[in-house]
Amino acid sequence: MKRLIERSRSVGEVLRWVTQNPGKVSASHYPIALHKLGQLLQQQPAPPMGAGDSRGPAGQVLEQPEFHVLCQAIVSGCAKFDNFSIVNCLYAAAALGLPGESPLVRVLEDESRSRLGRFNQKDVSMVFSSEANNKALEAIFSSQLFYENRQERFIRSMAEWLPRKAENLTPYTMALIAKYVARHRLREPRLLDTIANFLLKRGEQLDSKVIQKLVFPFSRMNYRPSNHGELFPKLEAILEQKAGSSPLATVNILMSMFQLSHFPQTVLHQVFSPGFITNVMSSPYALIVRRYLSLLDAAVELEFREYSGPRLDPRYRVLMFEHALTADEANRKYSYKGLVAEALRQLVGEECYRQDEVLPPGYCTDFLLWINRSGTVLPLSRVPAASRAPPATSPVTMSLRSSVLALTSDLQDFAPVVLSVNDKWHYCQNSDILVGSRAMRDRHLRLLGYCLVQLPYTELEKVSGIEEA
């Protein structure tokens, strides 16, 4: 039966072999049939314009009664299929272009989801088999099952597969891979270096929005790719040419570079120029770009002291964030911040700390305290009001570092301490490396004169009860 299906020359022939010989069809034959249908459909020429039937070859096949019989046979029997056949059927269905809401895909995804804990390396690697193509990957990456399967063996399979197949992928598909890597904070060097090599080879052909998606995983994972010596200068040259065409993508790419402590001087001359600012101010995304530019300007002040080009006009400076990050808010119930807050309340009293205080240039701190030289936490009533932390609406000053250092000098015996509750999502997956945005925040707070005390979730999860906290 396997040979008969594989040698079929038409869609009708495949469907006849499978539907007219149910006694000779086993679980392993169904994914072969789906794969063969996909191959035959790809070989069919597209219908001429104005042909009257807009469904195309795939649509016509999906409506054939024999195809429905095939799908029903899979739906009825998939609970008895082995893992390999289940995964292969799902992959073949994605390659065939079946919609996610179709009964066949829903049943296969449900069955796969219930078996995730029992999938072995061979089962999972089927998703990244040698038959993979852009259409299949796009369908798979948008499926719920794909996003739920974050196990390490899955990542290893992708890391082994991607370098060999990257040249055959479209930029859109590579961007989907980059999105997946960034979303799940996967600091897998082979994946990240493959994305970087793709970007190095194809960068000039890509628009800024695609480049932004491909660059983001590096800063997200706080990872300088192995080819950064070539890649970063090339990105600078591309940005010089395309900076004005997509301002938001440009500042996003710059932010990724800044988080990796790379400061492209020539591009900064452009984004801080009057022409770029004027263009931004008349756009619908003016506020978000102003926020990014304000943070970039603060980073230049703190980390790129040798820069001598134009800076952001003080009139346009705003706080990058005015409240806790969306991710932190969404994950609040999983955070250890509540435990720390209660422990602080009982230990030093509510009058001795501020929670979720926003400090220029717009960093939300978990807990802000003032401590004297002997290590005593001071009540806020003993700290001058102007020094407790600027309100969220105050402008970002030109010299952030000098402002804080002058403040602590005036107070002489006082020093600000920031308690940083680092929850699981602040780190790369299965790592003690902070994500790029968090790492840059910590660098900047230290440069501003704050003393940071890190409270990692790995330590907090060992705490039992408020007394230990």
Protein backbone atom coordinates (compact mmCIF):
# COMPACT_ATOMS: atom_id res chain seq x y z
CA MET A 1 0.00 0.00 0.00
CA LYS A 2 2.86 2.39 0.80
CA ARG A 3 4.39 1.88 -2.66
CA LEU A 4 1.01 2.22 -4.39
CA ILE A 5 0.33 5.55 -2.64
CA GLU A 6 3.82 6.91 -3.32
CA ARG A 7 3.63 5.94 -7.04
CA SER A 8 0.22 7.55 -7.55
CA ARG A 9 0.18 10.13 -10.33
CA SER A 10 -2.99 12.02 -9.40
CA VAL A 11 -4.98 13.15 -6.40
CA GLY A 12 -7.87 10.89 -7.39
CA GLU A 13 -5.57 7.87 -7.54
CA VAL A 14 -4.28 8.47 -4.00
CA LEU A 15 -7.80 8.86 -2.63
CA ARG A 16 -8.99 5.71 -4.40
CA TRP A 17 -6.20 3.53 -3.00
CA VAL A 18 -6.85 4.70 0.56
CA THR A 19 -10.64 4.84 0.64
CA GLN A 20 -11.41 1.71 -1.39
CA ASN A 21 -9.05 -0.58 0.52
CA PRO A 22 -9.74 0.17 4.23
CA GLY A 23 -8.67 -3.31 5.33
CA LYS A 24 -5.18 -2.83 3.90
CA VAL A 25 -4.61 0.70 5.27
CA SER A 26 -2.70 1.01 8.56
CA ALA A 27 -2.00 4.09 10.70
CA SER A 28 1.36 4.70 8.99
CA HIS A 29 -0.34 4.94 5.57
CA TYR A 30 -2.46 7.97 6.41
CA PRO A 31 0.38 10.52 6.79
CA ILE A 32 1.95 9.10 3.61
CA ALA A 33 -1.31 9.74 1.77
CA LEU A 34 -1.60 13.28 3.13
CA HIS A 35 2.01 14.02 2.19
CA LYS A 36 1.47 12.66 -1.31
CA LEU A 37 -1.66 14.78 -1.78
CA GLY A 38 0.34 17.86 -0.80
CA GLN A 39 3.10 17.03 -3.29
CA LEU A 40 0.64 16.45 -6.13
CA LEU A 41 -1.21 19.69 -5.40
CA GLN A 42 2.04 21.66 -5.52
CA GLN A 43 2.73 20.21 -8.97
CA GLN A 44 -0.63 21.34 -10.37
CA PRO A 45 -0.59 24.65 -12.28
CA ALA A 46 -2.56 27.55 -10.86
CA PRO A 47 -5.93 28.15 -12.57
CA PRO A 48 -5.98 30.97 -15.14
CA MET A 49 -7.28 34.35 -14.04
CA GLY A 50 -11.03 34.64 -14.37
CA ALA A 51 -11.49 30.88 -14.61
CA GLY A 52 -14.61 31.18 -12.50
CA ASP A 53 -13.52 28.81 -9.70
CA SER A 54 -11.58 30.71 -7.03
CA ARG A 55 -11.07 27.67 -4.80
CA GLY A 56 -7.92 26.54 -6.61
CA PRO A 57 -6.64 22.91 -6.71
CA ALA A 58 -6.36 22.58 -2.92
CA GLY A 59 -9.88 23.87 -2.31
CA GLN A 60 -11.31 21.47 -4.89
CA VAL A 61 -9.58 18.48 -3.28
CA LEU A 62 -10.72 19.41 0.23
CA GLU A 63 -14.32 19.30 -0.97
CA GLN A 64 -14.12 15.86 -2.59
CA PRO A 65 -16.19 13.14 -0.80
CA GLU A 66 -13.25 10.71 -0.91
CA PHE A 67 -11.08 13.23 0.95
CA HIS A 68 -13.72 13.54 3.68
CA VAL A 69 -13.75 9.73 3.98
CA LEU A 70 -9.95 9.82 4.42
CA CYS A 71 -10.18 12.53 7.09
CA GLN A 72 -12.94 10.70 8.94
CA ALA A 73 -10.88 7.52 9.00
CA ILE A 74 -7.99 9.43 10.63
CA VAL A 75 -10.31 11.14 13.13
CA SER A 76 -11.93 7.82 14.09
CA GLY A 77 -8.70 5.89 14.49
CA CYS A 78 -6.10 8.41 15.68
CA ALA A 79 -6.51 7.47 19.36
CA LYS A 80 -5.00 4.07 18.43
CA PHE A 81 -2.18 5.53 16.27
CA ASP A 82 1.41 5.38 17.49
CA ASN A 83 3.12 8.68 18.37
CA PHE A 84 5.10 8.78 15.13
CA SER A 85 1.95 8.52 12.99
CA ILE A 86 0.15 11.19 15.02
CA VAL A 87 2.98 13.73 14.66
CA ASN A 88 3.49 12.86 11.00
CA CYS A 89 -0.23 13.28 10.26
CA LEU A 90 -0.25 16.68 11.95
CA TYR A 91 2.82 17.76 10.02
CA ALA A 92 1.33 16.51 6.73
CA ALA A 93 -1.97 18.28 7.47
CA ALA A 94 -0.07 21.54 8.00
CA ALA A 95 1.88 21.05 4.77
CA LEU A 96 -1.37 20.35 2.94
CA GLY A 97 -2.74 23.66 4.19
CA LEU A 98 -5.69 22.37 6.19
CA PRO A 99 -7.21 25.13 8.34
CA GLY A 100 -6.59 24.98 12.09
CA GLU A 101 -10.32 24.83 12.82
CA SER A 102 -10.88 21.72 10.68
CA PRO A 103 -12.03 18.64 12.63
CA LEU A 104 -8.98 16.65 11.48
CA VAL A 105 -6.44 19.20 12.75
CA ARG A 106 -8.35 19.76 16.01
CA VAL A 107 -8.46 16.02 16.78
CA LEU A 108 -4.76 15.54 15.90
CA GLU A 109 -3.72 18.51 18.04
CA ASP A 110 -5.80 17.31 20.98
CA GLU A 111 -4.34 13.82 20.71
CA SER A 112 -0.79 15.19 20.38
CA ARG A 113 -1.28 17.50 23.35
CA SER A 114 -2.33 14.60 25.54
CA ARG A 115 0.83 12.69 24.55
CA LEU A 116 3.45 15.43 24.81
CA GLY A 117 5.06 13.90 27.88
CA ARG A 118 5.54 10.61 26.01
CA PHE A 119 6.93 11.95 22.74
CA ASN A 120 10.50 10.89 22.06
CA GLN A 121 13.24 12.57 20.04
CA LYS A 122 12.19 10.91 16.78
CA ASP A 123 8.55 11.93 17.18
CA VAL A 124 9.32 15.58 17.81
CA SER A 125 12.01 15.85 15.17
CA MET A 126 9.40 14.97 12.53
CA VAL A 127 8.31 18.59 12.63
CA PHE A 128 11.74 19.51 11.29
CA SER A 129 12.22 16.62 8.88
CA SER A 130 14.02 16.93 5.55
CA GLU A 131 10.67 17.38 3.80
CA ALA A 132 9.94 20.67 5.57
CA ASN A 133 9.07 23.66 3.42
CA ASN A 134 8.08 27.24 4.11
CA LYS A 135 4.36 26.63 3.85
CA ALA A 136 4.50 23.76 6.32
CA LEU A 137 6.66 25.65 8.80
CA GLU A 138 4.40 28.69 8.68
CA ALA A 139 1.38 26.51 9.40
CA ILE A 140 3.14 24.65 12.20
CA PHE A 141 4.53 27.78 13.84
CA SER A 142 1.04 29.26 14.02
CA SER A 143 -0.47 26.17 15.64
CA GLN A 144 -1.24 26.06 19.34
CA LEU A 145 0.49 22.70 19.68
CA PHE A 146 3.79 24.14 18.48
CA TYR A 147 3.78 26.89 21.10
CA GLU A 148 2.89 24.48 23.87
CA ASN A 149 5.72 22.04 23.12
CA ARG A 150 8.69 23.83 24.68
CA GLN A 151 10.62 20.79 25.80
CA GLU A 152 14.39 20.77 25.44
CA ARG A 153 14.41 17.85 23.00
CA PHE A 154 12.24 19.87 20.65
CA ILE A 155 14.71 22.76 20.74
CA ARG A 156 17.62 20.40 20.13
CA SER A 157 15.85 19.02 17.07
CA MET A 158 15.28 22.49 15.68
CA ALA A 159 18.88 23.52 16.43
CA GLU A 160 20.17 20.52 14.50
CA TRP A 161 17.81 21.02 11.60
CA LEU A 162 17.85 24.79 11.05
CA PRO A 163 21.51 25.39 10.07
CA ARG A 164 21.23 22.85 7.24
CA LYS A 165 18.01 24.28 5.81
CA ALA A 166 18.28 28.02 6.47
CA GLU A 167 19.26 28.95 2.92
CA ASN A 168 16.00 27.50 1.57
CA LEU A 169 13.75 29.42 3.97
CA THR A 170 11.99 32.67 3.19
CA PRO A 171 12.64 35.75 5.38
CA TYR A 172 9.06 35.44 6.64
CA THR A 173 9.64 31.89 7.85
CA MET A 174 12.95 32.80 9.48
CA ALA A 175 11.14 35.68 11.20
CA LEU A 176 8.61 33.15 12.56
CA ILE A 177 11.47 31.09 13.97
CA ALA A 178 13.01 34.23 15.49
CA LYS A 179 9.65 35.11 17.05
CA TYR A 180 9.37 31.66 18.60
CA VAL A 181 12.94 31.80 19.96
CA ALA A 182 12.38 35.26 21.46
CA ARG A 183 8.92 34.49 22.83
CA HIS A 184 10.18 31.53 24.83
CA ARG A 185 13.54 33.11 25.76
CA LEU A 186 15.52 30.25 24.17
CA ARG A 187 19.22 31.03 24.48
CA GLU A 188 20.30 28.31 22.07
CA PRO A 189 23.52 29.48 20.33
CA ARG A 190 23.03 27.30 17.24
CA LEU A 191 19.60 28.80 16.56
CA LEU A 192 20.71 32.37 17.26
CA ASP A 193 23.88 32.06 15.17
CA THR A 194 21.88 30.61 12.26
CA ILE A 195 19.51 33.61 12.37
CA ALA A 196 22.56 35.92 12.49
CA ASN A 197 24.16 34.22 9.46
CA PHE A 198 20.88 34.47 7.54
CA LEU A 199 20.75 38.17 8.39
CA LEU A 200 24.36 38.70 7.32
CA LYS A 201 23.77 37.08 3.92
CA ARG A 202 20.33 38.51 3.15
CA GLY A 203 20.29 41.80 5.08
CA GLU A 204 20.41 44.17 2.07
CA GLN A 205 17.36 42.49 0.54
CA LEU A 206 15.21 42.86 3.67
CA ASP A 207 13.13 45.79 4.82
CA SER A 208 13.65 47.29 8.26
CA LYS A 209 10.60 45.62 9.78
CA VAL A 210 11.89 42.12 8.95
CA ILE A 211 15.40 43.01 10.17
CA GLN A 212 13.86 44.21 13.43
CA LYS A 213 12.22 40.79 13.94
CA LEU A 214 15.43 38.92 13.18
CA VAL A 215 17.60 41.10 15.44
CA PHE A 216 15.28 41.06 18.45
CA PRO A 217 16.18 37.52 19.67
CA PHE A 218 19.82 38.59 20.21
CA SER A 219 18.95 41.38 22.61
CA ARG A 220 16.11 39.41 24.16
CA MET A 221 18.55 36.63 25.08
CA ASN A 222 21.40 39.04 25.86
CA TYR A 223 23.48 37.19 23.26
CA ARG A 224 26.09 38.54 20.88
CA PRO A 225 26.11 36.20 17.86
CA SER A 226 29.43 34.66 16.88
CA ASN A 227 29.52 36.78 13.69
CA HIS A 228 28.75 40.10 15.44
CA GLY A 229 32.06 41.56 14.24
CA GLU A 230 30.70 41.40 10.68
CA LEU A 231 26.99 41.58 11.35
CA PHE A 232 26.79 44.74 13.47
CA PRO A 233 28.73 46.98 11.00
CA LYS A 234 26.57 45.62 8.19
CA LEU A 235 23.40 46.42 10.12
CA GLU A 236 24.70 49.94 10.71
CA ALA A 237 25.25 50.42 6.96
CA ILE A 238 21.74 49.12 6.21
CA LEU A 239 20.18 51.38 8.84
CA GLU A 240 21.99 54.41 7.41
CA GLN A 241 20.22 53.75 4.12
CA LYS A 242 16.79 52.82 5.51
CA ALA A 243 16.48 54.79 8.76
CA GLY A 244 13.89 57.22 7.43
CA SER A 245 11.70 54.64 5.71
CA SER A 246 10.56 52.99 8.95
CA PRO A 247 11.40 55.06 12.05
CA LEU A 248 9.81 52.68 14.54
CA ALA A 249 11.70 49.66 13.20
CA THR A 250 14.91 51.72 13.17
CA VAL A 251 14.71 52.68 16.84
CA ASN A 252 13.75 49.09 17.75
CA ILE A 253 16.89 47.79 16.01
CA LEU A 254 18.96 50.45 17.77
CA MET A 255 17.46 49.43 21.10
CA SER A 256 18.49 45.83 20.48
CA MET A 257 22.04 46.96 19.74
CA PHE A 258 22.16 49.19 22.82
CA GLN A 259 21.03 46.31 25.02
CA LEU A 260 24.06 44.42 23.71
CA SER A 261 26.30 47.45 24.47
CA HIS A 262 26.85 48.29 20.81
CA PHE A 263 26.40 51.95 19.89
CA PRO A 264 26.31 52.78 16.12
CA GLN A 265 27.44 56.40 16.06
CA THR A 266 26.56 57.28 12.45
CA VAL A 267 22.99 56.01 12.85
CA LEU A 268 22.61 58.00 16.08
CA HIS A 269 23.52 61.14 14.13
CA GLN A 270 20.53 60.39 11.92
CA VAL A 271 17.89 59.48 14.51
CA PHE A 272 18.72 62.51 16.67
CA SER A 273 18.71 64.84 13.66
CA PRO A 274 15.96 67.51 13.29
CA GLY A 275 14.75 65.92 10.05
CA PHE A 276 14.21 62.48 11.62
CA ILE A 277 12.51 64.00 14.68
CA THR A 278 10.18 66.11 12.52
CA ASN A 279 9.24 63.06 10.50
CA VAL A 280 8.53 61.09 13.69
CA MET A 281 6.45 63.81 15.34
CA SER A 282 4.01 63.83 12.42
CA SER A 283 3.53 60.05 12.49
CA PRO A 284 0.79 58.08 14.30
CA TYR A 285 3.40 56.29 16.45
CA ALA A 286 5.09 59.50 17.62
CA LEU A 287 4.78 58.77 21.35
CA ILE A 288 6.28 55.30 21.28
CA VAL A 289 9.21 56.50 19.15
CA ARG A 290 9.74 59.42 21.56
CA ARG A 291 9.88 56.92 24.42
CA TYR A 292 12.46 54.81 22.64
CA LEU A 293 14.51 57.85 21.66
CA SER A 294 14.40 59.12 25.24
CA LEU A 295 15.75 55.82 26.54
CA LEU A 296 18.38 55.71 23.78
CA ASP A 297 19.43 59.26 24.69
CA ALA A 298 19.73 58.28 28.36
CA ALA A 299 21.80 55.23 27.38
CA VAL A 300 24.15 57.46 25.39
CA GLU A 301 24.53 59.69 28.45
CA LEU A 302 25.33 56.75 30.70
CA GLU A 303 27.24 54.32 28.50
CA PHE A 304 28.52 56.09 25.37
CA ARG A 305 30.34 59.03 26.90
CA GLU A 306 32.62 59.50 23.89
CA TYR A 307 29.68 60.28 21.60
CA SER A 308 29.81 63.88 20.41
CA GLY A 309 26.95 64.07 17.89
CA PRO A 310 23.45 65.51 18.19
CA ARG A 311 21.24 64.51 21.10
CA LEU A 312 17.50 64.36 21.62
CA ASP A 313 15.98 67.82 22.08
CA PRO A 314 14.91 68.14 25.77
CA ARG A 315 11.43 69.14 24.58
CA TYR A 316 10.83 65.62 23.32
CA ARG A 317 12.14 63.68 26.31
CA VAL A 318 9.62 61.47 28.12
CA LEU A 319 9.83 58.47 30.44
CA MET A 320 10.23 55.17 28.60
CA PHE A 321 7.77 53.44 30.95
CA GLU A 322 5.31 55.08 33.29
CA HIS A 323 4.28 51.91 35.17
CA ALA A 324 5.16 48.24 35.51
CA LEU A 325 5.76 46.34 32.29
CA THR A 326 2.82 44.51 30.74
CA ALA A 327 4.58 41.14 31.15
CA ASP A 328 5.09 41.80 34.85
CA GLU A 329 1.45 42.78 35.28
CA ALA A 330 0.24 39.71 33.40
CA ASN A 331 2.46 37.43 35.49
CA ARG A 332 1.81 39.15 38.81
CA LYS A 333 0.09 36.10 40.31
CA TYR A 334 3.21 34.03 39.55
CA SER A 335 5.61 36.64 40.93
CA TYR A 336 7.43 36.54 44.24
CA LYS A 337 6.99 40.28 44.61
CA GLY A 338 3.98 39.89 46.89
CA LEU A 339 5.99 37.66 49.23
CA VAL A 340 8.85 40.17 49.34
CA ALA A 341 6.43 43.06 49.92
CA GLU A 342 4.82 41.34 52.92
CA ALA A 343 8.22 40.40 54.33
CA LEU A 344 9.43 44.01 54.00
CA ARG A 345 6.24 45.31 55.57
CA GLN A 346 6.75 43.14 58.63
CA LEU A 347 10.51 43.66 58.76
CA VAL A 348 10.92 47.43 58.28
CA GLY A 349 7.38 48.82 58.02
CA GLU A 350 5.46 50.36 55.10
CA GLU A 351 6.94 53.80 55.85
CA CYS A 352 10.44 52.59 54.89
CA TYR A 353 10.05 51.58 51.24
CA ARG A 354 8.28 52.38 47.99
CA GLN A 355 6.96 49.66 45.68
CA ASP A 356 6.81 49.87 41.84
CA GLU A 357 8.51 53.28 41.81
CA VAL A 358 9.37 54.57 38.33
CA LEU A 359 12.81 56.20 38.08
CA PRO A 360 14.11 58.25 35.14
CA PRO A 361 14.69 57.39 32.35
CA GLY A 362 11.61 55.25 32.95
CA TYR A 363 12.65 52.11 34.79
CA CYS A 364 10.13 50.53 37.13
CA THR A 365 11.82 49.35 40.32
CA ASP A 366 10.31 46.62 42.48
CA PHE A 367 11.27 48.16 45.85
CA LEU A 368 13.13 51.39 46.60
CA LEU A 369 14.66 51.99 50.03
CA TRP A 370 17.08 54.46 51.61
CA ILE A 371 19.83 53.07 53.83
CA ASN A 372 22.46 54.86 55.92
CA ARG A 373 26.11 53.90 56.30
CA SER A 374 25.44 51.64 59.24
CA GLY A 375 22.93 49.60 57.19
CA THR A 376 19.77 50.95 58.80
CA VAL A 377 16.71 51.31 56.55
CA LEU A 378 15.43 54.86 56.97
CA PRO A 379 11.76 55.92 57.14
CA LEU A 380 10.85 58.03 54.12
CA SER A 381 9.90 60.85 56.49
CA ARG A 382 13.60 61.26 57.26
CA VAL A 383 14.54 61.49 53.59
CA PRO A 384 13.98 64.86 51.85
CA ALA A 385 10.86 64.64 49.66
CA ALA A 386 12.75 65.76 46.54
CA SER A 387 15.08 62.78 46.81
CA ARG A 388 12.63 59.92 47.27
CA ALA A 389 12.29 59.41 43.49
CA PRO A 390 11.12 61.81 40.79
CA PRO A 391 7.43 61.44 39.89
CA ALA A 392 6.58 59.64 36.70
CA THR A 393 5.56 62.89 35.01
CA SER A 394 8.84 64.72 35.57
CA PRO A 395 11.10 65.31 32.54
CA VAL A 396 14.19 63.21 32.01
CA THR A 397 17.16 65.41 32.81
CA MET A 398 20.14 65.87 30.51
CA SER A 399 22.64 64.42 32.98
CA LEU A 400 20.96 61.57 34.82
CA ARG A 401 24.03 60.17 36.47
CA SER A 402 25.28 63.48 37.81
CA SER A 403 21.81 64.26 39.21
CA VAL A 404 21.64 61.09 41.30
CA LEU A 405 25.27 61.28 42.41
CA ALA A 406 24.82 64.91 43.46
CA LEU A 407 21.68 63.91 45.34
CA THR A 408 23.44 61.17 47.30
CA SER A 409 26.36 63.53 47.96
CA ASP A 410 24.01 66.15 49.43
CA LEU A 411 22.45 63.57 51.71
CA GLN A 412 25.94 62.37 52.77
CA ASP A 413 24.91 59.47 54.99
CA PHE A 414 22.06 58.20 52.84
CA ALA A 415 22.16 55.85 49.84
CA PRO A 416 19.33 54.45 47.62
CA VAL A 417 19.03 50.61 47.43
CA VAL A 418 16.87 48.96 44.90
CA LEU A 419 15.57 45.49 45.66
CA SER A 420 15.10 43.67 42.34
CA VAL A 421 12.77 40.66 42.36
CA ASN A 422 13.91 38.65 39.36
CA ASP A 423 11.11 36.24 38.47
CA LYS A 424 11.41 33.35 36.04
CA TRP A 425 10.45 35.37 32.95
CA HIS A 426 13.26 37.85 33.62
CA TYR A 427 15.78 35.14 32.72
CA CYS A 428 16.53 33.22 29.57
CA GLN A 429 14.92 29.78 29.57
CA ASN A 430 16.70 27.37 31.93
CA SER A 431 19.47 29.90 32.55
CA ASP A 432 20.72 32.38 35.11
CA ILE A 433 21.28 35.01 32.39
CA LEU A 434 18.90 37.98 32.55
CA VAL A 435 17.08 38.97 29.36
CA GLY A 436 18.63 41.94 27.58
CA SER A 437 16.14 44.61 28.66
CA ARG A 438 16.47 43.63 32.33
CA ALA A 439 20.26 43.50 32.11
CA MET A 440 20.41 47.01 30.57
CA ARG A 441 18.04 48.33 33.23
CA ASP A 442 20.36 47.00 35.95
CA ARG A 443 23.44 48.50 34.25
CA HIS A 444 21.78 51.88 34.04
CA LEU A 445 20.51 51.89 37.62
CA ARG A 446 24.03 51.15 38.86
CA LEU A 447 25.48 53.89 36.67
CA LEU A 448 22.87 56.25 38.09
CA GLY A 449 24.24 55.58 41.57
CA TYR A 450 21.70 53.10 42.91
CA CYS A 451 22.85 50.01 44.79
CA LEU A 452 21.11 46.89 43.47
CA VAL A 453 20.22 43.87 45.57
CA GLN A 454 19.15 40.97 43.34
CA LEU A 455 16.47 38.56 44.62
CA PRO A 456 16.39 35.68 42.07
CA TYR A 457 13.37 33.41 41.93
CA THR A 458 15.64 30.37 42.36
CA GLU A 459 16.37 31.57 45.90
CA LEU A 460 12.89 32.86 46.67
CA GLU A 461 11.24 29.57 45.67
CA LYS A 462 13.20 27.84 48.45
CA VAL A 463 11.60 30.12 51.06
CA SER A 464 8.98 28.48 53.24
CA GLY A 465 6.69 30.92 55.02
CA ILE A 466 6.91 34.59 55.84
CA GLU A 467 9.41 34.10 58.66
CA GLU A 468 12.02 32.69 56.25
CA ALA A 469 11.19 35.43 53.77
